[in-house]
Every structure is written in C-alpha cells, then in structure tokens.
C-alpha cells in the first residue's frame, strides 16, 4: 500500500494587466493592447466599458489581449 497526499490551494487574486495602450486611435475607432500579468491560477476575463455620448454605454467581456473598438460621437447639443 502506498500513501500519498494532494494539497489543493484556491486560486489567488490576479494582477491587473500591464502596459495598457490605445493604438491606431482615430475619430471613430481604436485598438487596446496589453500584457497579461499573473493570473492567480485561473483563466482571466477582461471587462471593458466604453462611455460614448450621454446615452451610449457598451460593455464587453474579453479573454484575449487585444480589443478593437468603435465609437460614435454625438456632437449635437
């Protein structure tokens, strides 16, 4: 008979992403890139909220390190 033990450890808290950058920014689009940090032992999901004009808010859930976004500007008063 062989005895052995397995120790389980719950996932820890992840670190925030590193080197967040907005690139290729135009009047209606942009690309966000970042480097993933320590994931705490779990898969990471990123939430990005975009606030455009007063009536527009979008949120997306990501599991990659690149996000391409488009936004509409409302210049009317």
Protein backbone atom coordinates (compact mmCIF):
# COMPACT_ATOMS: atom_id res chain seq x y z
CA UNK A 1 0.00 0.00 0.00
CA UNK A 2 1.23 3.46 -0.95
CA UNK A 3 0.16 6.59 0.88
CA UNK A 4 0.21 9.97 -0.77
CA UNK A 5 -1.43 13.32 -0.23
CA UNK A 6 -2.61 16.04 -2.56
CA UNK A 7 -2.80 19.63 -1.37
CA UNK A 8 -5.29 21.90 -3.10
CA UNK A 9 -4.91 25.64 -2.99
CA UNK A 10 -7.70 28.00 -4.06
CA UNK A 11 -6.89 30.46 -6.84
CA UNK A 12 -5.40 33.76 -5.75
CA UNK A 13 -6.24 37.25 -6.92
CA UNK A 14 -4.89 38.15 -10.37
CA UNK A 15 -2.71 41.17 -11.02
CA UNK A 16 -4.01 43.95 -13.29
CA UNK A 17 -2.87 43.97 -16.92
CA UNK A 18 0.46 45.63 -17.74
CA UNK A 19 1.34 48.15 -20.42
CA UNK A 20 -2.23 49.04 -21.40
CA UNK A 21 -2.09 51.10 -24.61
CA UNK A 22 -4.60 52.60 -27.02
CA UNK A 23 -3.16 52.39 -30.53
CA UNK A 24 -4.43 53.29 -34.01
CA UNK A 25 -6.77 55.86 -32.47
CA UNK A 26 -9.00 57.68 -34.96
CA UNK A 27 -12.14 59.79 -34.59
CA UNK A 28 -14.26 56.61 -34.61
CA UNK A 29 -12.12 53.62 -33.61
CA UNK A 30 -9.20 52.41 -31.52
CA UNK A 31 -7.31 49.28 -30.53
CA UNK A 32 -6.43 48.43 -26.93
CA UNK A 33 -3.47 46.15 -26.25
CA UNK A 34 -1.95 44.93 -23.00
CA UNK A 35 0.31 42.32 -21.48
CA UNK A 36 -1.31 39.81 -19.20
CA UNK A 37 0.02 39.62 -15.68
CA UNK A 38 -0.12 36.87 -13.06
CA UNK A 39 -3.50 35.17 -13.49
CA UNK A 40 -3.88 33.92 -9.92
CA UNK A 41 -4.24 30.36 -11.13
CA UNK A 42 -7.43 30.96 -13.13
CA UNK A 43 -8.35 31.96 -16.66
CA UNK A 44 -8.67 35.72 -16.97
CA UNK A 45 -11.65 37.57 -18.39
CA UNK A 46 -11.38 41.30 -19.08
CA UNK A 47 -14.32 43.71 -18.91
CA UNK A 48 -14.07 46.92 -20.93
CA UNK A 49 -16.69 49.64 -20.64
CA UNK A 50 -16.95 52.34 -23.27
CA UNK A 51 -18.72 55.56 -22.47
CA UNK A 52 -19.53 57.50 -25.62
CA UNK A 53 -22.13 60.21 -25.62
CA UNK A 54 -24.58 60.69 -22.79
CA UNK A 55 -26.90 57.90 -23.91
CA UNK A 56 -24.45 55.25 -25.05
CA UNK A 57 -22.63 52.73 -22.90
CA UNK A 58 -21.30 49.39 -24.05
CA UNK A 59 -19.53 46.64 -22.18
CA UNK A 60 -17.78 43.59 -23.49
CA UNK A 61 -16.15 40.58 -21.91
CA UNK A 62 -12.77 39.52 -23.27
CA UNK A 63 -10.31 36.74 -22.73
CA UNK A 64 -7.63 37.98 -25.12
CA UNK A 65 -5.02 40.72 -25.01
CA UNK A 66 -6.35 42.79 -27.92
CA UNK A 67 -9.61 44.69 -28.26
CA UNK A 68 -10.76 46.69 -31.27
CA UNK A 69 -13.44 49.23 -30.52
CA UNK A 70 -15.55 51.64 -32.49
CA UNK A 71 -17.48 54.56 -31.08
CA UNK A 72 -19.87 57.17 -32.38
CA UNK A 73 -19.57 60.77 -31.37
CA UNK A 74 -22.66 62.86 -30.85
CA UNK A 75 -21.69 66.47 -31.41
CA UNK A 76 -25.23 67.84 -31.40
CA UNK A 77 -26.25 69.85 -28.35
